[in-house]
N, C-alpha and C. Protein backbone atom coordinates (compact mmCIF):
# COMPACT_ATOMS: atom_id res chain seq x y z
N TRP A 1 0.16 7.53 5.55
CA TRP A 1 0.65 7.08 4.14
C TRP A 1 0.99 8.84 4.66
N GLU A 2 0.46 9.65 5.07
CA GLU A 2 0.81 11.15 4.39
C GLU A 2 1.79 11.31 4.48
N TYR A 3 2.56 11.51 3.75
CA TYR A 3 4.38 11.23 4.29
C TYR A 3 5.24 13.63 3.62
N GLN A 4 4.12 13.71 2.58
CA GLN A 4 4.40 14.28 1.08
C GLN A 4 4.47 16.27 2.17
N LYS A 5 4.47 16.14 3.36
CA LYS A 5 3.82 16.96 4.12
C LYS A 5 5.89 17.35 5.35
N CYS A 6 6.22 16.25 5.11
CA CYS A 6 7.57 16.18 5.40
C CYS A 6 9.11 16.76 5.50
N GLY A 7 9.08 17.05 4.31
CA GLY A 7 9.86 16.73 3.60
C GLY A 7 11.21 16.06 3.17
N ASN A 8 12.09 15.74 2.42
CA ASN A 8 12.57 14.68 1.70
C ASN A 8 13.02 13.79 2.65
N LEU A 9 12.72 12.81 2.89
CA LEU A 9 12.46 11.13 3.49
C LEU A 9 13.97 10.75 2.79
N HIS A 10 14.35 11.26 1.97
CA HIS A 10 16.25 10.70 2.04
C HIS A 10 17.06 11.39 3.36
N ASP A 11 16.72 12.72 3.47
CA ASP A 11 17.47 13.18 4.10
C ASP A 11 17.33 12.30 5.38
N THR A 12 16.35 11.85 6.08
CA THR A 12 16.96 11.45 7.28
C THR A 12 17.51 10.51 7.63
N ASN A 13 17.89 10.25 8.44
CA ASN A 13 19.23 9.44 9.09
C ASN A 13 18.00 8.56 9.44
N TRP A 14 18.37 7.35 8.52
CA TRP A 14 17.25 6.12 8.99
C TRP A 14 17.70 4.94 9.31
N GLU A 15 19.04 5.33 9.08
CA GLU A 15 20.57 4.05 9.88
C GLU A 15 20.33 4.55 11.26
N TYR A 16 20.06 5.32 12.05
CA TYR A 16 19.97 5.44 13.65
C TYR A 16 19.68 4.04 14.34
N GLU A 17 20.76 4.41 14.84
CA GLU A 17 20.83 3.13 15.98
C GLU A 17 19.60 2.40 16.72
N ASN A 18 19.29 3.60 16.91
CA ASN A 18 18.00 3.58 17.99
C ASN A 18 16.65 3.87 17.76
N LEU A 19 16.59 3.85 15.92
CA LEU A 19 15.27 3.98 15.10
C LEU A 19 15.15 2.72 14.67
N VAL A 20 13.21 2.22 15.03
CA VAL A 20 12.61 1.92 14.21
C VAL A 20 12.14 2.05 13.24
N SER A 21 11.69 1.80 12.03
CA SER A 21 11.21 2.31 11.24
C SER A 21 10.39 1.82 10.69
N VAL A 22 9.29 1.56 10.33
CA VAL A 22 7.80 1.16 9.35
C VAL A 22 7.03 2.04 8.54
N ILE A 23 7.49 1.23 7.29
CA ILE A 23 6.84 1.77 5.87
C ILE A 23 5.92 1.22 5.37
N VAL A 24 4.27 1.43 5.42
CA VAL A 24 3.16 0.08 4.40
C VAL A 24 3.33 1.28 3.61
N MET A 25 2.82 0.01 3.10
CA MET A 25 2.92 -0.44 1.23
C MET A 25 1.54 -0.56 0.86
N ARG A 26 1.21 -0.03 -0.23
CA ARG A 26 -0.55 -0.37 -0.73
C ARG A 26 -0.55 -0.37 -2.24
N HIS A 27 -1.52 -1.06 -2.32
CA HIS A 27 -1.42 -1.18 -4.12
C HIS A 27 -1.76 -0.57 -4.74
N PRO A 28 -1.02 0.67 -5.95
CA PRO A 28 -2.22 1.59 -6.19
C PRO A 28 -3.44 1.80 -5.88
N LEU A 29 -3.68 0.97 -7.44
CA LEU A 29 -5.66 1.39 -7.45
C LEU A 29 -6.36 1.20 -6.02
N ASP A 30 -6.08 0.48 -5.20
CA ASP A 30 -6.55 0.37 -3.99
C ASP A 30 -6.47 1.72 -3.03
N ARG A 31 -4.82 1.86 -3.46
CA ARG A 31 -5.34 3.58 -2.40
C ARG A 31 -5.71 5.30 -2.99
N LEU A 32 -5.87 4.73 -4.32
CA LEU A 32 -6.96 5.45 -5.14
C LEU A 32 -8.21 5.43 -4.97
N GLN A 33 -8.94 4.45 -4.44
CA GLN A 33 -10.37 3.72 -4.66
C GLN A 33 -10.28 4.32 -3.05
N SER A 34 -9.21 4.66 -2.25
CA SER A 34 -9.84 4.28 -0.46
C SER A 34 -10.97 5.66 -0.21
N ARG A 35 -10.69 6.64 0.65
CA ARG A 35 -11.91 7.97 1.41
C ARG A 35 -11.26 8.33 1.82
N ASN A 36 -9.94 8.79 1.75
CA ASN A 36 -8.62 9.37 1.57
C ASN A 36 -7.79 9.68 0.86
N THR A 37 -7.71 10.91 0.11
CA THR A 37 -7.02 10.81 -0.83
C THR A 37 -7.35 12.87 -1.00
N CYS A 38 -6.37 12.85 -1.82
CA CYS A 38 -5.95 14.08 -2.11
C CYS A 38 -6.97 14.43 -3.21
N ASP A 39 -8.28 14.18 -3.20
CA ASP A 39 -8.93 15.02 -3.66
C ASP A 39 -10.16 14.99 -4.02
N ASN A 40 -10.18 16.02 -2.93
CA ASN A 40 -11.60 16.58 -1.93
C ASN A 40 -13.13 15.95 -2.98
N THR A 41 -12.87 16.33 -3.84
CA THR A 41 -14.38 16.25 -4.83
C THR A 41 -14.78 14.54 -4.61
N PHE A 42 -13.65 13.74 -4.50
CA PHE A 42 -13.61 12.75 -4.86
C PHE A 42 -14.00 12.07 -3.86
N ASN A 43 -13.22 12.82 -2.75
CA ASN A 43 -13.85 12.30 -1.38
C ASN A 43 -14.52 12.66 -1.05
N LYS A 44 -15.62 13.39 -1.53
CA LYS A 44 -17.05 13.70 -0.93
C LYS A 44 -17.58 13.12 -1.39
N ALA A 45 -17.99 12.62 -2.97
CA ALA A 45 -18.92 11.97 -4.09
C ALA A 45 -19.27 10.77 -2.87
N ASP A 46 -20.40 10.80 -3.28
CA ASP A 46 -21.04 9.40 -3.09
C ASP A 46 -20.42 7.98 -3.71
N PRO A 47 -20.22 7.04 -2.57
CA PRO A 47 -19.27 6.00 -3.54
C PRO A 47 -19.68 4.88 -4.05
N ASP A 48 -21.10 5.15 -3.83
CA ASP A 48 -22.04 4.12 -4.88
C ASP A 48 -22.46 4.91 -6.12
N ASN A 49 -21.90 6.24 -6.31
CA ASN A 49 -22.83 6.67 -7.54
C ASN A 49 -21.69 7.70 -8.20
N ILE A 50 -20.43 7.30 -8.44
CA ILE A 50 -19.50 8.69 -8.52
C ILE A 50 -19.47 8.54 -10.18
N THR A 51 -19.57 9.66 -10.77
CA THR A 51 -19.75 9.79 -12.31
C THR A 51 -18.36 9.30 -12.68
N ALA A 52 -18.87 8.96 -14.00
CA ALA A 52 -17.31 8.81 -14.81
C ALA A 52 -16.18 10.07 -14.52
N GLY A 53 -17.22 11.37 -14.79
CA GLY A 53 -16.69 12.35 -14.79
C GLY A 53 -15.73 12.58 -13.61
N VAL A 54 -16.79 12.16 -12.39
CA VAL A 54 -14.99 12.83 -11.48
C VAL A 54 -14.10 11.80 -11.31
N TRP A 55 -14.28 10.42 -11.67
CA TRP A 55 -13.73 9.32 -11.81
C TRP A 55 -11.89 9.87 -12.89
N TRP A 56 -12.60 10.68 -14.12
CA TRP A 56 -11.88 11.14 -14.71
C TRP A 56 -10.55 11.72 -14.83
N ASN A 57 -11.41 12.79 -13.59
CA ASN A 57 -11.31 14.11 -13.46
C ASN A 57 -10.16 13.56 -12.45
N TYR A 58 -10.04 12.66 -11.12
CA TYR A 58 -9.61 12.39 -10.12
C TYR A 58 -8.27 11.87 -10.64
N ALA A 59 -8.19 10.37 -11.56
CA ALA A 59 -7.44 9.69 -11.89
C ALA A 59 -6.41 10.95 -12.73
N SER A 60 -6.65 11.72 -13.58
CA SER A 60 -6.46 12.06 -14.43
C SER A 60 -4.99 13.93 -13.82
N SER A 61 -5.98 13.67 -12.47
CA SER A 61 -5.26 14.89 -11.77
C SER A 61 -3.30 14.64 -11.69
N LYS A 62 -2.98 15.58 -11.22
CA LYS A 62 -1.20 16.13 -10.43
C LYS A 62 -1.18 15.64 -9.35
N CYS A 63 -1.87 15.49 -8.49
CA CYS A 63 -2.13 14.72 -7.15
C CYS A 63 -1.82 13.21 -7.27
N ALA A 64 -2.33 12.48 -7.88
CA ALA A 64 -2.49 11.41 -7.37
C ALA A 64 -1.79 11.04 -8.83
N ASP A 65 -1.14 11.91 -9.94
CA ASP A 65 0.42 11.37 -10.76
C ASP A 65 0.56 10.23 -9.48
N ASN A 66 1.52 8.48 -9.79
CA ASN A 66 2.50 7.76 -9.27
C ASN A 66 2.32 8.11 -8.18
N TYR A 67 1.20 8.83 -6.73
CA TYR A 67 1.62 9.05 -5.65
C TYR A 67 2.90 8.48 -5.22
N ALA A 68 2.55 7.25 -4.67
CA ALA A 68 3.85 6.26 -3.55
C ALA A 68 5.48 6.80 -4.31
N LEU A 69 5.05 6.86 -5.64
CA LEU A 69 6.98 6.99 -5.92
C LEU A 69 6.94 8.86 -5.66
N LYS A 70 6.26 9.98 -5.78
CA LYS A 70 5.99 10.99 -5.51
C LYS A 70 6.81 11.12 -4.30
N VAL A 71 6.07 10.71 -3.16
CA VAL A 71 6.30 10.80 -1.94
C VAL A 71 7.87 10.32 -1.53
N LEU A 72 8.05 8.84 -2.68
CA LEU A 72 9.25 8.42 -1.95
C LEU A 72 11.03 8.43 -2.99
N SER A 73 10.21 9.52 -3.89
CA SER A 73 11.70 10.07 -4.40
C SER A 73 12.44 10.96 -3.89
N LYS A 74 13.91 11.29 -4.11
CA LYS A 74 14.36 12.21 -4.00
C LYS A 74 14.08 13.65 -4.61
N ARG A 75 13.48 13.28 -5.84
CA ARG A 75 13.20 13.89 -6.87
C ARG A 75 11.90 15.28 -6.78
N LYS A 76 11.61 16.30 -5.91
CA LYS A 76 10.43 16.83 -5.58
C LYS A 76 9.92 17.92 -6.41
N THR A 77 10.41 17.72 -7.58
CA THR A 77 10.67 18.72 -9.19
C THR A 77 10.53 17.67 -10.03
N ASN A 78 9.32 17.72 -11.16
CA ASN A 78 9.42 17.14 -12.18
C ASN A 78 9.53 15.08 -11.81
N CYS A 79 8.87 15.00 -11.13
CA CYS A 79 9.10 14.12 -10.45
C CYS A 79 8.08 12.83 -11.83
N CYS A 80 7.26 12.65 -11.41
CA CYS A 80 6.28 11.68 -11.78
C CYS A 80 5.48 12.14 -12.95
N GLN A 81 6.15 11.81 -14.45
CA GLN A 81 4.96 12.33 -15.72
C GLN A 81 4.27 11.27 -15.92
N GLY A 82 3.51 10.24 -15.11
CA GLY A 82 2.12 9.08 -15.58
C GLY A 82 2.67 7.67 -15.55
N ALA A 83 2.24 7.62 -17.22
CA ALA A 83 3.60 6.26 -17.60
C ALA A 83 4.64 6.44 -18.33
N ASN A 84 4.54 7.73 -18.47
CA ASN A 84 6.58 7.87 -18.20
C ASN A 84 7.53 8.05 -17.39
N THR A 85 7.47 7.62 -16.44
CA THR A 85 7.79 8.53 -15.33
C THR A 85 8.93 7.49 -15.66
N SER A 86 9.80 8.38 -15.12
CA SER A 86 11.65 7.43 -15.48
C SER A 86 11.67 6.11 -14.56
N VAL A 87 12.36 5.20 -15.06
CA VAL A 87 12.62 4.11 -14.30
C VAL A 87 13.19 4.81 -13.09
N ASP A 88 14.65 6.22 -13.01
CA ASP A 88 15.50 6.53 -11.74
C ASP A 88 14.40 6.48 -10.99
N ILE A 89 13.09 7.23 -11.00
CA ILE A 89 12.46 7.78 -9.65
C ILE A 89 11.99 6.49 -8.84
N LEU A 90 11.48 5.45 -9.92
CA LEU A 90 11.56 4.67 -9.47
C LEU A 90 12.09 3.87 -8.32
N ASN A 91 14.14 3.35 -8.81
CA ASN A 91 15.26 3.05 -8.05
C ASN A 91 15.21 4.14 -7.43
N ASP A 92 14.80 5.56 -7.16
CA ASP A 92 15.03 6.01 -5.94
C ASP A 92 13.76 5.50 -4.94
N ALA A 93 12.73 5.63 -4.98
CA ALA A 93 11.73 4.97 -3.94
C ALA A 93 12.39 3.61 -3.23
N LYS A 94 12.44 3.11 -4.37
CA LYS A 94 13.29 1.44 -3.76
C LYS A 94 14.88 1.94 -2.93
N ASP A 95 15.82 2.54 -3.04
CA ASP A 95 16.82 3.14 -2.48
C ASP A 95 15.94 3.36 -0.88
N LEU A 96 15.06 4.29 -0.88
CA LEU A 96 14.69 4.70 -0.15
C LEU A 96 13.87 2.90 0.98
N ILE A 97 12.85 2.87 0.97
CA ILE A 97 11.55 1.27 1.40
C ILE A 97 13.14 1.02 1.65
N ARG A 98 14.68 0.78 0.91
CA ARG A 98 14.98 -0.49 1.62
C ARG A 98 16.12 0.06 2.88
N ARG A 99 15.47 1.30 3.40
CA ARG A 99 17.12 1.39 4.73
C ARG A 99 15.74 1.35 5.97
N PHE A 100 14.86 1.32 5.69
CA PHE A 100 13.39 1.30 6.53
C PHE A 100 13.85 -0.02 7.09
N THR A 101 13.38 -0.41 8.64
CA THR A 101 13.53 -1.92 9.41
C THR A 101 12.60 -3.18 9.27
N PHE A 102 11.37 -2.16 8.51
CA PHE A 102 10.88 -3.52 8.26
C PHE A 102 9.79 -2.35 7.47
N VAL A 103 8.89 -3.98 6.08
CA VAL A 103 8.40 -3.19 5.57
C VAL A 103 7.18 -3.97 5.76
N ILE A 104 5.85 -3.46 5.58
CA ILE A 104 4.79 -3.93 5.43
C ILE A 104 3.28 -3.56 4.70
N ASP A 105 2.52 -4.63 4.35
CA ASP A 105 2.48 -4.52 3.03
C ASP A 105 1.33 -5.09 3.57
N MET A 106 -0.15 -3.98 3.72
CA MET A 106 -1.29 -2.85 3.88
C MET A 106 -2.13 -5.07 3.05
N ALA A 107 -1.67 -5.90 2.55
CA ALA A 107 -2.85 -6.31 2.33
C ALA A 107 -3.41 -7.69 3.43
N CYS A 108 -2.05 -7.55 4.34
CA CYS A 108 -2.49 -8.60 4.71
C CYS A 108 -1.89 -7.42 6.68
N MET A 109 -2.31 -6.28 6.38
CA MET A 109 -2.08 -5.87 7.90
C MET A 109 -1.99 -6.53 9.42
N ASP A 110 -3.27 -7.04 9.33
CA ASP A 110 -3.67 -7.98 10.92
C ASP A 110 -2.14 -8.76 10.99
N GLU A 111 -1.41 -9.55 10.28
CA GLU A 111 -1.15 -10.20 10.31
C GLU A 111 0.64 -10.02 10.75
N SER A 112 0.76 -9.17 9.99
CA SER A 112 2.16 -8.42 10.00
C SER A 112 2.31 -7.32 10.86
N LEU A 113 1.36 -6.96 11.64
CA LEU A 113 0.95 -5.95 13.04
C LEU A 113 1.58 -6.92 14.27
N ILE A 114 0.96 -8.66 13.76
CA ILE A 114 1.37 -8.98 15.09
C ILE A 114 2.84 -9.44 15.03
N GLU A 115 3.28 -9.79 13.62
CA GLU A 115 4.89 -10.98 13.51
C GLU A 115 5.06 -9.38 14.14
N LEU A 116 4.97 -8.11 13.87
CA LEU A 116 5.78 -6.90 14.14
C LEU A 116 5.21 -7.51 15.52
N ALA A 117 4.87 -7.24 16.35
CA ALA A 117 5.25 -6.90 18.29
C ALA A 117 6.12 -8.86 18.41
N ARG A 118 5.90 -9.25 17.68
CA ARG A 118 6.51 -10.74 18.25
C ARG A 118 8.00 -10.25 17.68
N VAL A 119 8.28 -9.85 16.69
CA VAL A 119 9.02 -9.37 16.86
C VAL A 119 10.40 -8.64 17.63
N LEU A 120 9.83 -7.36 18.49
CA LEU A 120 10.26 -6.81 18.53
C LEU A 120 10.09 -6.70 20.38
N ASN A 121 9.41 -7.84 20.59
CA ASN A 121 9.31 -8.69 21.58
C ASN A 121 8.06 -7.57 22.66
N LEU A 122 7.47 -6.82 21.94
CA LEU A 122 5.86 -6.65 22.50
C LEU A 122 4.91 -7.01 22.61
N PRO A 123 4.41 -6.76 23.86
CA PRO A 123 3.10 -7.07 24.88
C PRO A 123 2.11 -7.29 23.43
N LEU A 124 1.43 -8.38 23.09
CA LEU A 124 -0.11 -7.62 22.57
C LEU A 124 -1.61 -7.77 23.57
N PRO A 125 -2.45 -6.79 23.71
CA PRO A 125 -4.04 -7.40 24.06
C PRO A 125 -4.23 -8.96 23.73
N GLU A 126 -5.04 -8.97 24.39
CA GLU A 126 -5.63 -11.13 23.81
C GLU A 126 -6.56 -10.61 22.39
N LEU A 127 -6.07 -11.68 21.28
CA LEU A 127 -7.03 -11.38 19.93
C LEU A 127 -8.28 -11.96 20.42
N LYS A 128 -9.45 -11.10 20.28
CA LYS A 128 -10.57 -12.29 20.42
C LYS A 128 -11.10 -11.63 19.17
N TYR A 129 -11.11 -12.59 18.43
CA TYR A 129 -11.31 -12.72 16.84
C TYR A 129 -13.11 -14.30 17.40
N PRO A 130 -13.72 -13.75 16.61
CA PRO A 130 -14.91 -15.59 16.36
C PRO A 130 -14.08 -16.44 16.47
N LYS A 131 -14.71 -17.56 16.32
CA LYS A 131 -14.07 -18.61 16.55
C LYS A 131 -14.36 -19.24 15.02
N LYS A 132 -15.53 -18.98 14.46
CA LYS A 132 -15.58 -19.20 12.84
C LYS A 132 -14.61 -18.24 11.97
N GLN A 133 -14.27 -18.68 11.21
CA GLN A 133 -13.02 -18.49 10.20
C GLN A 133 -13.31 -17.01 9.59
N LEU A 134 -12.29 -16.37 9.70
CA LEU A 134 -12.49 -15.17 9.11
C LEU A 134 -11.46 -14.92 8.29
N LYS A 135 -12.68 -14.56 6.91
CA LYS A 135 -11.55 -14.24 5.52
C LYS A 135 -11.33 -12.79 5.52
N LYS A 136 -10.17 -12.29 5.03
CA LYS A 136 -9.89 -11.59 5.36
C LYS A 136 -10.18 -10.02 4.08
N HIS A 137 -11.13 -9.17 4.77
CA HIS A 137 -12.05 -8.36 4.04
C HIS A 137 -11.62 -7.76 3.66
N THR A 138 -10.69 -8.20 2.36
CA THR A 138 -10.53 -8.31 0.93
C THR A 138 -11.24 -8.97 0.59
N ALA A 139 -11.40 -10.44 0.89
CA ALA A 139 -11.57 -11.13 0.27
C ALA A 139 -13.22 -11.61 -1.02
N ASN A 140 -13.57 -10.72 0.10
CA ASN A 140 -15.03 -11.10 -0.87
C ASN A 140 -14.83 -9.62 -1.47
N ARG A 141 -14.79 -8.40 -1.53
CA ARG A 141 -15.43 -7.69 -2.15
C ARG A 141 -14.65 -7.42 -3.52
N PHE A 142 -15.45 -6.82 -4.62
CA PHE A 142 -14.80 -7.11 -5.88
C PHE A 142 -13.46 -6.13 -6.49
N THR A 143 -13.24 -6.62 -7.34
CA THR A 143 -11.83 -6.08 -7.65
C THR A 143 -11.99 -4.53 -7.98
N ALA A 144 -10.82 -4.39 -8.31
CA ALA A 144 -10.25 -2.82 -8.64
C ALA A 144 -11.31 -2.80 -10.25
N ARG A 145 -10.69 -3.59 -11.02
CA ARG A 145 -11.27 -3.30 -12.38
C ARG A 145 -13.12 -3.44 -12.46
N GLU A 146 -13.32 -4.23 -11.38
CA GLU A 146 -15.23 -4.48 -10.87
C GLU A 146 -15.61 -2.92 -9.91
N ARG A 147 -15.00 -2.73 -9.33
CA ARG A 147 -15.43 -1.17 -8.25
C ARG A 147 -15.46 -0.61 -9.67
N ILE A 148 -14.35 0.23 -10.14
CA ILE A 148 -13.66 1.05 -11.20
C ILE A 148 -15.23 1.26 -12.30
N GLY A 149 -15.81 0.49 -12.47
CA GLY A 149 -16.54 -0.25 -13.55
C GLY A 149 -16.58 0.02 -14.83
N ASN A 150 -15.49 0.29 -15.17
CA ASN A 150 -15.41 1.29 -16.72
C ASN A 150 -13.48 0.46 -17.70
N ASP A 151 -14.01 0.20 -18.62
CA ASP A 151 -12.19 -1.11 -18.69
C ASP A 151 -11.04 0.02 -18.93
N THR A 152 -11.99 0.78 -19.79
CA THR A 152 -11.30 1.63 -20.25
C THR A 152 -10.55 2.62 -18.78
N LEU A 153 -11.20 2.96 -18.57
CA LEU A 153 -10.44 4.13 -17.63
C LEU A 153 -9.49 2.94 -16.44
N TYR A 154 -10.43 1.62 -16.48
CA TYR A 154 -8.45 0.75 -15.17
C TYR A 154 -7.61 0.61 -16.26
N GLU A 155 -7.91 0.37 -17.74
CA GLU A 155 -6.02 -0.07 -18.32
C GLU A 155 -5.98 1.86 -17.97
N TYR A 156 -6.67 2.86 -18.57
CA TYR A 156 -5.91 4.05 -18.30
C TYR A 156 -4.68 4.40 -16.93
N LEU A 157 -5.76 3.53 -15.56
CA LEU A 157 -4.68 3.89 -14.51
C LEU A 157 -3.84 3.05 -14.36
N MET A 158 -4.23 1.61 -14.79
CA MET A 158 -2.71 1.11 -14.34
C MET A 158 -1.29 0.99 -15.76
N SER A 159 -1.61 1.83 -16.36
CA SER A 159 -0.76 2.34 -17.65
C SER A 159 0.05 3.50 -16.54
N ARG A 160 -0.93 4.51 -16.40
CA ARG A 160 -0.37 5.79 -15.98
C ARG A 160 -0.05 5.69 -14.29
N PHE A 161 -0.57 4.31 -13.81
CA PHE A 161 0.23 4.24 -12.53
C PHE A 161 1.15 3.10 -12.66
N ARG A 162 1.83 3.07 -13.78
CA ARG A 162 2.88 1.72 -13.61
C ARG A 162 3.60 1.37 -12.92
N ARG A 163 4.40 2.51 -13.14
CA ARG A 163 5.58 2.95 -11.66
C ARG A 163 5.49 2.10 -10.19
N ASP A 164 4.12 3.05 -9.85
CA ASP A 164 3.53 2.66 -8.79
C ASP A 164 3.08 1.56 -8.47
N ILE A 165 2.68 1.06 -9.26
CA ILE A 165 2.60 -0.45 -9.09
C ILE A 165 3.42 -1.64 -8.88
N GLU A 166 4.51 -0.89 -10.18
CA GLU A 166 6.05 -1.80 -10.15
C GLU A 166 6.24 -2.02 -8.71
N LEU A 167 6.58 -0.35 -8.20
CA LEU A 167 6.86 -0.39 -6.69
C LEU A 167 6.12 -0.78 -5.67
N TYR A 168 5.28 -1.56 -5.99
CA TYR A 168 4.07 -1.86 -4.87
C TYR A 168 4.83 -3.43 -5.02
N GLU A 169 4.58 -4.09 -6.11
CA GLU A 169 4.75 -5.23 -6.46
C GLU A 169 5.98 -5.90 -6.21
N TRP A 170 7.31 -4.84 -6.28
CA TRP A 170 8.56 -4.86 -5.88
C TRP A 170 8.61 -4.72 -4.09
N SER A 171 8.24 -4.58 -3.46
CA SER A 171 8.20 -4.38 -1.82
C SER A 171 7.20 -6.05 -1.32
N ARG A 172 6.24 -6.34 -1.72
CA ARG A 172 5.34 -7.04 -1.78
C ARG A 172 7.12 -8.36 -0.70
N PRO A 173 7.49 -8.80 -1.75
CA PRO A 173 8.43 -10.22 -1.59
C PRO A 173 9.59 -9.29 0.45
N ILE A 174 9.18 -8.38 0.19
CA ILE A 174 11.13 -8.14 1.31
C ILE A 174 9.75 -7.17 2.05
N SER A 175 8.17 -7.76 2.57
CA SER A 175 7.81 -7.82 3.85
C SER A 175 7.64 -7.87 4.60
N LEU A 176 7.82 -7.41 5.57
CA LEU A 176 7.92 -8.85 6.80
C LEU A 176 7.00 -9.72 7.07
N VAL A 177 5.69 -9.38 6.35
CA VAL A 177 5.05 -10.71 6.33
C VAL A 177 4.54 -11.27 4.51
N ASP A 178 5.04 -11.86 4.15
CA ASP A 178 4.98 -11.72 2.50
C ASP A 178 3.53 -12.82 2.56
N CYS A 179 2.63 -11.41 2.26
CA CYS A 179 1.21 -11.62 2.34
C CYS A 179 0.99 -13.46 0.98
N SER A 180 1.03 -12.84 0.12
CA SER A 180 0.65 -14.07 -0.68
C SER A 180 0.67 -15.58 -0.47
N ARG A 181 2.00 -15.43 0.61
CA ARG A 181 1.76 -17.00 1.21
C ARG A 181 0.50 -17.83 2.16
N LEU A 182 -0.34 -16.48 2.42
CA LEU A 182 -1.40 -16.70 3.42
C LEU A 182 -2.74 -17.11 3.10
N ASN A 183 -3.49 -17.71 3.05
CA ASN A 183 -4.71 -18.51 2.22
C ASN A 183 -5.44 -17.73 3.26
N PHE A 184 -6.50 -16.72 3.02
CA PHE A 184 -6.76 -15.64 3.52
C PHE A 184 -8.56 -16.62 3.62
N ASN A 185 -8.39 -17.34 2.31
CA ASN A 185 -10.12 -17.89 2.30
C ASN A 185 -10.28 -19.34 3.63
N ASN A 186 -9.74 -19.85 4.03
CA ASN A 186 -9.81 -20.98 4.97
C ASN A 186 -8.83 -21.36 6.30
N ASN A 187 -8.06 -20.06 6.09
CA ASN A 187 -7.59 -19.59 7.97
C ASN A 187 -8.23 -18.36 8.94
N THR A 188 -8.34 -18.72 9.55
CA THR A 188 -8.90 -17.49 11.13
C THR A 188 -7.45 -16.47 10.20
N VAL A 189 -7.45 -15.46 11.36
CA VAL A 189 -6.15 -14.43 11.45
C VAL A 189 -5.58 -15.30 12.60
N ASP A 190 -5.95 -15.66 13.33
CA ASP A 190 -4.98 -16.69 14.63
C ASP A 190 -4.47 -17.67 13.95
N GLU A 191 -5.20 -18.70 13.14
CA GLU A 191 -4.67 -19.67 12.33
C GLU A 191 -3.47 -19.25 11.70
N ARG A 192 -3.60 -17.70 10.41
CA ARG A 192 -2.33 -17.03 9.30
C ARG A 192 -1.32 -16.52 10.90
N ALA A 193 -1.62 -16.12 12.09
CA ALA A 193 -0.94 -15.57 13.09
C ALA A 193 0.88 -16.53 13.07
N LYS A 194 -0.42 -17.48 13.56
CA LYS A 194 0.58 -18.63 14.43
C LYS A 194 1.34 -19.08 13.11
N ILE A 195 1.41 -19.36 11.70
CA ILE A 195 2.01 -19.39 10.97
C ILE A 195 3.34 -18.77 10.32
N CYS A 196 2.76 -17.25 11.03
CA CYS A 196 3.94 -16.37 10.72
C CYS A 196 4.86 -16.35 11.82
N PHE A 197 4.16 -16.90 13.46
CA PHE A 197 5.00 -17.41 14.55
C PHE A 197 5.84 -18.57 13.74
N GLY A 198 5.14 -19.45 13.33
CA GLY A 198 7.00 -20.50 12.49
C GLY A 198 7.68 -20.06 12.21
N GLY A 199 7.61 -18.92 11.20
CA GLY A 199 8.98 -18.14 10.33
C GLY A 199 8.75 -18.62 9.17
N SER A 200 7.17 -18.87 9.31
CA SER A 200 6.78 -19.29 7.45
C SER A 200 6.38 -17.71 6.29
N CYS A 201 6.41 -17.17 6.76
CA CYS A 201 5.63 -15.84 6.11
C CYS A 201 6.53 -14.95 5.78
């Protein structure tokens, strides 16, 4: 997802007939809490003992401000202004995403890649999942609010990144697999893949 060094993505000929393009979307707060961020201090901090100061510095940093919009908008200067980011920036990003061949929601990456292979008629290696039911790895983890552990900070992030969050929520229904329709608690990955193969995703 590190596009920022690739110039303005709007200049790419995404409509080229021999090009198959894929963009992976991720909830901004999940991206924010990953261990591969734009903030080296945050990356190197002990994930179980991140201080409030480190969290606030990262959350308030310029690099973290509506990261997806900053990458996907055609406006590279004065793009994102936290909670006051213009809806025009959001619409820029939507326009670009519409030009991709496939949109994938990282919330159900396994199922999406299986469906992508089916659509493109690509061979898949044998899937050797355990026979027991496999719950999505995100199903049992704490929520973003619980992981952050600070309601004030959580509400600040929800406000500051509201345009990024709007973009992600907008992208979900147009993704190759609509993750919201999958039962992560009661189906294995294989079973969910069969649902996708049936065209129900």
